[in-house]
Amino acid sequence: MRAIALGRKNYLFVGSEAGGKAAAIAYTLIETAKLNAVDPHAWLADTIAPIPDYKINKVDDLLPWKSNR
């Protein structure tokens, strides 16, 4: 969360509402992984790869707190 506070001035003009929403989603995923003692980089790399072939009713299995990494 410290990074968000330090960059607040830079994020003021994120470019567009869609850009702001994308940044919020990315920060949420990264900080949630950190709170669950999961390496965010490894989790994102392992999670993004199988998404195209993943069944929609099993998406919850990809969440950081269900991670075995």
PDB file of N, CA and C in Angstrom:
ATOM      1  N   MET A   1       0.822  -1.192   0.000  1.00  0.00           N
ATOM      2  CA  MET A   1       0.000   0.000   0.000  1.00  0.00           C
ATOM      3  C   MET A   1       0.868   1.259   0.000  1.00  0.00           C
ATOM      4  N   ARG A   2       2.092   1.143   0.485  1.00  0.00           N
ATOM      5  CA  ARG A   2       2.975   2.312   0.522  1.00  0.00           C
ATOM      6  C   ARG A   2       3.238   2.839  -0.876  1.00  0.00           C
ATOM      7  N   ALA A   3       3.390   1.945  -1.853  1.00  0.00           N
ATOM      8  CA  ALA A   3       3.646   2.363  -3.233  1.00  0.00           C
ATOM      9  C   ALA A   3       2.503   3.209  -3.779  1.00  0.00           C
ATOM     10  N   ILE A   4       1.289   2.863  -3.403  1.00  0.00           N
ATOM     11  CA  ILE A   4       0.131   3.627  -3.856  1.00  0.00           C
ATOM     12  C   ILE A   4       0.178   5.033  -3.273  1.00  0.00           C
ATOM     13  N   ALA A   5       0.490   5.145  -1.997  1.00  0.00           N
ATOM     14  CA  ALA A   5       0.551   6.462  -1.364  1.00  0.00           C
ATOM     15  C   ALA A   5       1.677   7.307  -1.953  1.00  0.00           C
ATOM     16  N   LEU A   6       2.814   6.693  -2.221  1.00  0.00           N
ATOM     17  CA  LEU A   6       3.936   7.430  -2.789  1.00  0.00           C
ATOM     18  C   LEU A   6       3.660   7.894  -4.219  1.00  0.00           C
ATOM     19  N   GLY A   7       2.905   7.113  -4.954  1.00  0.00           N
ATOM     20  CA  GLY A   7       2.638   7.465  -6.348  1.00  0.00           C
ATOM     21  C   GLY A   7       1.349   8.223  -6.570  1.00  0.00           C
ATOM     22  N   ARG A   8       0.677   8.609  -5.504  1.00  0.00           N
ATOM     23  CA  ARG A   8      -0.627   9.249  -5.621  1.00  0.00           C
ATOM     24  C   ARG A   8      -0.617  10.436  -6.591  1.00  0.00           C
ATOM     25  N   LYS A   9       0.400  11.255  -6.521  1.00  0.00           N
ATOM     26  CA  LYS A   9       0.490  12.414  -7.398  1.00  0.00           C
ATOM     27  C   LYS A   9       0.598  11.968  -8.861  1.00  0.00           C
ATOM     28  N   ASN A  10       1.328  10.918  -9.110  1.00  0.00           N
ATOM     29  CA  ASN A  10       1.483  10.423 -10.478  1.00  0.00           C
ATOM     30  C   ASN A  10       0.203   9.812 -11.023  1.00  0.00           C
ATOM     31  N   TYR A  11      -0.609   9.255 -10.153  1.00  0.00           N
ATOM     32  CA  TYR A  11      -1.825   8.587 -10.607  1.00  0.00           C
ATOM     33  C   TYR A  11      -2.988   9.550 -10.777  1.00  0.00           C
ATOM     34  N   LEU A  12      -2.808  10.788 -10.393  1.00  0.00           N
ATOM     35  CA  LEU A  12      -3.874  11.777 -10.481  1.00  0.00           C
ATOM     36  C   LEU A  12      -4.361  11.921 -11.913  1.00  0.00           C
ATOM     37  N   PHE A  13      -3.449  11.879 -12.857  1.00  0.00           N
ATOM     38  CA  PHE A  13      -3.806  12.027 -14.264  1.00  0.00           C
ATOM     39  C   PHE A  13      -3.475  10.746 -15.015  1.00  0.00           C
ATOM     40  N   VAL A  14      -4.162   9.688 -14.677  1.00  0.00           N
ATOM     41  CA  VAL A  14      -3.889   8.365 -15.208  1.00  0.00           C
ATOM     42  C   VAL A  14      -4.179   8.278 -16.712  1.00  0.00           C
ATOM     43  N   GLY A  15      -4.859   9.225 -17.269  1.00  0.00           N
ATOM     44  CA  GLY A  15      -5.077   9.254 -18.709  1.00  0.00           C
ATOM     45  C   GLY A  15      -6.534   9.086 -19.088  1.00  0.00           C
ATOM     46  N   SER A  16      -7.209   8.174 -18.454  1.00  0.00           N
ATOM     47  CA  SER A  16      -8.624   7.947 -18.760  1.00  0.00           C
ATOM     48  C   SER A  16      -9.266   7.167 -17.627  1.00  0.00           C
ATOM     49  N   GLU A  17     -10.569   7.123 -17.643  1.00  0.00           N
ATOM     50  CA  GLU A  17     -11.284   6.349 -16.627  1.00  0.00           C
ATOM     51  C   GLU A  17     -10.970   4.864 -16.767  1.00  0.00           C
ATOM     52  N   ALA A  18     -10.893   4.389 -17.999  1.00  0.00           N
ATOM     53  CA  ALA A  18     -10.572   2.973 -18.232  1.00  0.00           C
ATOM     54  C   ALA A  18      -9.164   2.644 -17.723  1.00  0.00           C
ATOM     55  N   GLY A  19      -8.222   3.572 -17.925  1.00  0.00           N
ATOM     56  CA  GLY A  19      -6.864   3.368 -17.423  1.00  0.00           C
ATOM     57  C   GLY A  19      -6.833   3.308 -15.907  1.00  0.00           C
ATOM     58  N   GLY A  20      -7.636   4.158 -15.281  1.00  0.00           N
ATOM     59  CA  GLY A  20      -7.730   4.144 -13.824  1.00  0.00           C
ATOM     60  C   GLY A  20      -8.314   2.844 -13.305  1.00  0.00           C
ATOM     61  N   LYS A  21      -9.337   2.339 -13.988  1.00  0.00           N
ATOM     62  CA  LYS A  21      -9.943   1.067 -13.579  1.00  0.00           C
ATOM     63  C   LYS A  21      -8.955  -0.082 -13.753  1.00  0.00           C
ATOM     64  N   ALA A  22      -8.206  -0.071 -14.860  1.00  0.00           N
ATOM     65  CA  ALA A  22      -7.207  -1.123 -15.098  1.00  0.00           C
ATOM     66  C   ALA A  22      -6.122  -1.085 -14.022  1.00  0.00           C
ATOM     67  N   ALA A  23      -5.677   0.120 -13.658  1.00  0.00           N
ATOM     68  CA  ALA A  23      -4.663   0.251 -12.611  1.00  0.00           C
ATOM     69  C   ALA A  23      -5.206  -0.242 -11.272  1.00  0.00           C
ATOM     70  N   ALA A  24      -6.461   0.071 -10.979  1.00  0.00           N
ATOM     71  CA  ALA A  24      -7.070  -0.367  -9.726  1.00  0.00           C
ATOM     72  C   ALA A  24      -7.164  -1.893  -9.660  1.00  0.00           C
ATOM     73  N   ILE A  25      -7.514  -2.514 -10.772  1.00  0.00           N
ATOM     74  CA  ILE A  25      -7.595  -3.973 -10.819  1.00  0.00           C
ATOM     75  C   ILE A  25      -6.215  -4.588 -10.602  1.00  0.00           C
ATOM     76  N   ALA A  26      -5.211  -4.033 -11.280  1.00  0.00           N
ATOM     77  CA  ALA A  26      -3.851  -4.563 -11.138  1.00  0.00           C
ATOM     78  C   ALA A  26      -3.361  -4.427  -9.698  1.00  0.00           C
ATOM     79  N   TYR A  27      -3.552  -3.255  -9.097  1.00  0.00           N
ATOM     80  CA  TYR A  27      -3.122  -3.060  -7.706  1.00  0.00           C
ATOM     81  C   TYR A  27      -3.876  -3.980  -6.760  1.00  0.00           C
ATOM     82  N   THR A  28      -5.148  -4.189  -7.001  1.00  0.00           N
ATOM     83  CA  THR A  28      -5.937  -5.078  -6.147  1.00  0.00           C
ATOM     84  C   THR A  28      -5.401  -6.502  -6.203  1.00  0.00           C
ATOM     85  N   LEU A  29      -5.127  -6.999  -7.407  1.00  0.00           N
ATOM     86  CA  LEU A  29      -4.598  -8.356  -7.550  1.00  0.00           C
ATOM     87  C   LEU A  29      -3.238  -8.500  -6.874  1.00  0.00           C
ATOM     88  N   ILE A  30      -2.370  -7.534  -7.093  1.00  0.00           N
ATOM     89  CA  ILE A  30      -1.023  -7.605  -6.529  1.00  0.00           C
ATOM     90  C   ILE A  30      -1.049  -7.524  -5.007  1.00  0.00           C
ATOM     91  N   GLU A  31      -1.808  -6.590  -4.467  1.00  0.00           N
ATOM     92  CA  GLU A  31      -1.855  -6.435  -3.009  1.00  0.00           C
ATOM     93  C   GLU A  31      -2.561  -7.611  -2.340  1.00  0.00           C
ATOM     94  N   THR A  32      -3.571  -8.185  -2.994  1.00  0.00           N
ATOM     95  CA  THR A  32      -4.251  -9.356  -2.443  1.00  0.00           C
ATOM     96  C   THR A  32      -3.295 -10.541  -2.376  1.00  0.00           C
ATOM     97  N   ALA A  33      -2.486 -10.698  -3.414  1.00  0.00           N
ATOM     98  CA  ALA A  33      -1.495 -11.780  -3.394  1.00  0.00           C
ATOM     99  C   ALA A  33      -0.512 -11.570  -2.253  1.00  0.00           C
ATOM    100  N   LYS A  34      -0.039 -10.345  -2.069  1.00  0.00           N
ATOM    101  CA  LYS A  34       0.905 -10.059  -0.983  1.00  0.00           C
ATOM    102  C   LYS A  34       0.283 -10.348   0.383  1.00  0.00           C
ATOM    103  N   LEU A  35      -0.984  -9.967   0.568  1.00  0.00           N
ATOM    104  CA  LEU A  35      -1.652 -10.199   1.851  1.00  0.00           C
ATOM    105  C   LEU A  35      -1.812 -11.683   2.162  1.00  0.00           C
ATOM    106  N   ASN A  36      -1.817 -12.497   1.109  1.00  0.00           N
ATOM    107  CA  ASN A  36      -1.964 -13.936   1.288  1.00  0.00           C
ATOM    108  C   ASN A  36      -0.628 -14.669   1.210  1.00  0.00           C
ATOM    109  N   ALA A  37       0.461 -13.920   1.386  1.00  0.00           N
ATOM    110  CA  ALA A  37       1.817 -14.479   1.404  1.00  0.00           C
ATOM    111  C   ALA A  37       2.143 -15.252   0.129  1.00  0.00           C
ATOM    112  N   VAL A  38       1.718 -14.713  -0.993  1.00  0.00           N
ATOM    113  CA  VAL A  38       1.979 -15.307  -2.297  1.00  0.00           C
ATOM    114  C   VAL A  38       2.806 -14.316  -3.099  1.00  0.00           C
ATOM    115  N   ASP A  39       3.849 -14.788  -3.769  1.00  0.00           N
ATOM    116  CA  ASP A  39       4.662 -13.932  -4.623  1.00  0.00           C
ATOM    117  C   ASP A  39       3.807 -13.448  -5.793  1.00  0.00           C
ATOM    118  N   PRO A  40       3.531 -12.143  -5.890  1.00  0.00           N
ATOM    119  CA  PRO A  40       2.633 -11.642  -6.933  1.00  0.00           C
ATOM    120  C   PRO A  40       3.105 -11.951  -8.347  1.00  0.00           C
ATOM    121  N   HIS A  41       4.394 -11.838  -8.607  1.00  0.00           N
ATOM    122  CA  HIS A  41       4.898 -12.090  -9.954  1.00  0.00           C
ATOM    123  C   HIS A  41       4.692 -13.549 -10.355  1.00  0.00           C
ATOM    124  N   ALA A  42       5.058 -14.454  -9.475  1.00  0.00           N
ATOM    125  CA  ALA A  42       4.896 -15.880  -9.762  1.00  0.00           C
ATOM    126  C   ALA A  42       3.417 -16.240  -9.895  1.00  0.00           C
ATOM    127  N   TRP A  43       2.584 -15.698  -9.007  1.00  0.00           N
ATOM    128  CA  TRP A  43       1.158 -16.006  -9.047  1.00  0.00           C
ATOM    129  C   TRP A  43       0.527 -15.515 -10.348  1.00  0.00           C
ATOM    130  N   LEU A  44       0.831 -14.266 -10.740  1.00  0.00           N
ATOM    131  CA  LEU A  44       0.272 -13.734 -11.985  1.00  0.00           C
ATOM    132  C   LEU A  44       0.741 -14.540 -13.191  1.00  0.00           C
ATOM    133  N   ALA A  45       2.023 -14.885 -13.232  1.00  0.00           N
ATOM    134  CA  ALA A  45       2.556 -15.672 -14.349  1.00  0.00           C
ATOM    135  C   ALA A  45       1.873 -17.038 -14.433  1.00  0.00           C
ATOM    136  N   ASP A  46       1.689 -17.686 -13.276  1.00  0.00           N
ATOM    137  CA  ASP A  46       1.050 -19.006 -13.258  1.00  0.00           C
ATOM    138  C   ASP A  46      -0.452 -18.937 -13.478  1.00  0.00           C
ATOM    139  N   THR A  47      -1.058 -17.798 -13.202  1.00  0.00           N
ATOM    140  CA  THR A  47      -2.505 -17.660 -13.327  1.00  0.00           C
ATOM    141  C   THR A  47      -2.925 -17.234 -14.722  1.00  0.00           C
ATOM    142  N   ILE A  48      -2.185 -16.347 -15.322  1.00  0.00           N
ATOM    143  CA  ILE A  48      -2.565 -15.826 -16.636  1.00  0.00           C
ATOM    144  C   ILE A  48      -2.430 -16.887 -17.723  1.00  0.00           C
ATOM    145  N   ALA A  49      -1.430 -17.747 -17.628  1.00  0.00           N
ATOM    146  CA  ALA A  49      -1.193 -18.760 -18.656  1.00  0.00           C
ATOM    147  C   ALA A  49      -2.392 -19.690 -18.895  1.00  0.00           C
ATOM    148  N   PRO A  50      -3.032 -20.260 -17.868  1.00  0.00           N
ATOM    149  CA  PRO A  50      -4.118 -21.215 -18.134  1.00  0.00           C
ATOM    150  C   PRO A  50      -5.499 -20.586 -18.374  1.00  0.00           C
ATOM    151  N   ILE A  51      -5.634 -19.285 -18.259  1.00  0.00           N
ATOM    152  CA  ILE A  51      -6.957 -18.654 -18.350  1.00  0.00           C
ATOM    153  C   ILE A  51      -7.708 -18.992 -19.640  1.00  0.00           C
ATOM    154  N   PRO A  52      -7.084 -18.970 -20.822  1.00  0.00           N
ATOM    155  CA  PRO A  52      -7.863 -19.247 -22.042  1.00  0.00           C
ATOM    156  C   PRO A  52      -8.551 -20.609 -22.058  1.00  0.00           C
ATOM    157  N   ASP A  53      -7.952 -21.601 -21.423  1.00  0.00           N
ATOM    158  CA  ASP A  53      -8.529 -22.954 -21.429  1.00  0.00           C
ATOM    159  C   ASP A  53      -9.265 -23.301 -20.138  1.00  0.00           C
ATOM    160  N   TYR A  54      -9.409 -22.341 -19.241  1.00  0.00           N
ATOM    161  CA  TYR A  54      -9.997 -22.610 -17.932  1.00  0.00           C
ATOM    162  C   TYR A  54     -11.512 -22.561 -17.983  1.00  0.00           C
ATOM    163  N   LYS A  55     -12.160 -23.469 -17.277  1.00  0.00           N
ATOM    164  CA  LYS A  55     -13.626 -23.471 -17.217  1.00  0.00           C
ATOM    165  C   LYS A  55     -14.099 -22.316 -16.347  1.00  0.00           C
ATOM    166  N   ILE A  56     -15.122 -21.621 -16.788  1.00  0.00           N
ATOM    167  CA  ILE A  56     -15.605 -20.425 -16.100  1.00  0.00           C
ATOM    168  C   ILE A  56     -16.086 -20.732 -14.685  1.00  0.00           C
ATOM    169  N   ASN A  57     -16.610 -21.907 -14.441  1.00  0.00           N
ATOM    170  CA  ASN A  57     -17.104 -22.229 -13.102  1.00  0.00           C
ATOM    171  C   ASN A  57     -15.976 -22.620 -12.140  1.00  0.00           C
ATOM    172  N   LYS A  58     -14.741 -22.667 -12.619  1.00  0.00           N
ATOM    173  CA  LYS A  58     -13.588 -23.000 -11.780  1.00  0.00           C
ATOM    174  C   LYS A  58     -12.650 -21.800 -11.590  1.00  0.00           C
ATOM    175  N   VAL A  59     -13.060 -20.612 -12.019  1.00  0.00           N
ATOM    176  CA  VAL A  59     -12.203 -19.428 -11.949  1.00  0.00           C
ATOM    177  C   VAL A  59     -11.797 -19.112 -10.517  1.00  0.00           C
ATOM    178  N   ASP A  60     -12.625 -19.389  -9.552  1.00  0.00           N
ATOM    179  CA  ASP A  60     -12.281 -19.130  -8.151  1.00  0.00           C
ATOM    180  C   ASP A  60     -11.014 -19.867  -7.721  1.00  0.00           C
ATOM    181  N   ASP A  61     -10.692 -20.962  -8.370  1.00  0.00           N
ATOM    182  CA  ASP A  61      -9.480 -21.714  -8.035  1.00  0.00           C
ATOM    183  C   ASP A  61      -8.209 -20.929  -8.346  1.00  0.00           C
ATOM    184  N   LEU A  62      -8.309 -19.886  -9.160  1.00  0.00           N
ATOM    185  CA  LEU A  62      -7.143 -19.093  -9.545  1.00  0.00           C
ATOM    186  C   LEU A  62      -6.836 -17.964  -8.565  1.00  0.00           C
ATOM    187  N   LEU A  63      -7.697 -17.749  -7.582  1.00  0.00           N
ATOM    188  CA  LEU A  63      -7.503 -16.654  -6.636  1.00  0.00           C
ATOM    189  C   LEU A  63      -6.288 -16.904  -5.750  1.00  0.00           C
ATOM    190  N   PRO A  64      -5.620 -15.819  -5.319  1.00  0.00           N
ATOM    191  CA  PRO A  64      -4.367 -15.986  -4.576  1.00  0.00           C
ATOM    192  C   PRO A  64      -4.472 -16.807  -3.302  1.00  0.00           C
ATOM    193  N   TRP A  65      -5.571 -16.702  -2.574  1.00  0.00           N
ATOM    194  CA  TRP A  65      -5.671 -17.436  -1.310  1.00  0.00           C
ATOM    195  C   TRP A  65      -5.917 -18.921  -1.527  1.00  0.00           C
ATOM    196  N   LYS A  66      -6.177 -19.333  -2.758  1.00  0.00           N
ATOM    197  CA  LYS A  66      -6.301 -20.751  -3.060  1.00  0.00           C
ATOM    198  C   LYS A  66      -5.044 -21.283  -3.732  1.00  0.00           C
ATOM    199  N   SER A  67      -4.049 -20.433  -3.820  1.00  0.00           N
ATOM    200  CA  SER A  67      -2.806 -20.783  -4.498  1.00  0.00           C
ATOM    201  C   SER A  67      -1.941 -21.682  -3.633  1.00  0.00           C
ATOM    202  N   ASN A  68      -1.261 -22.600  -4.268  1.00  0.00           N
ATOM    203  CA  ASN A  68      -0.307 -23.484  -3.575  1.00  0.00           C
ATOM    204  C   ASN A  68       1.122 -23.010  -3.782  1.00  0.00           C
ATOM    205  N   ARG A  69       1.299 -21.843  -4.384  1.00  0.00           N
ATOM    206  CA  ARG A  69       2.624 -21.345  -4.711  1.00  0.00           C
ATOM    207  C   ARG A  69       3.214 -20.618  -3.549  1.00  0.00           C
TER     208      ARG A  69
END
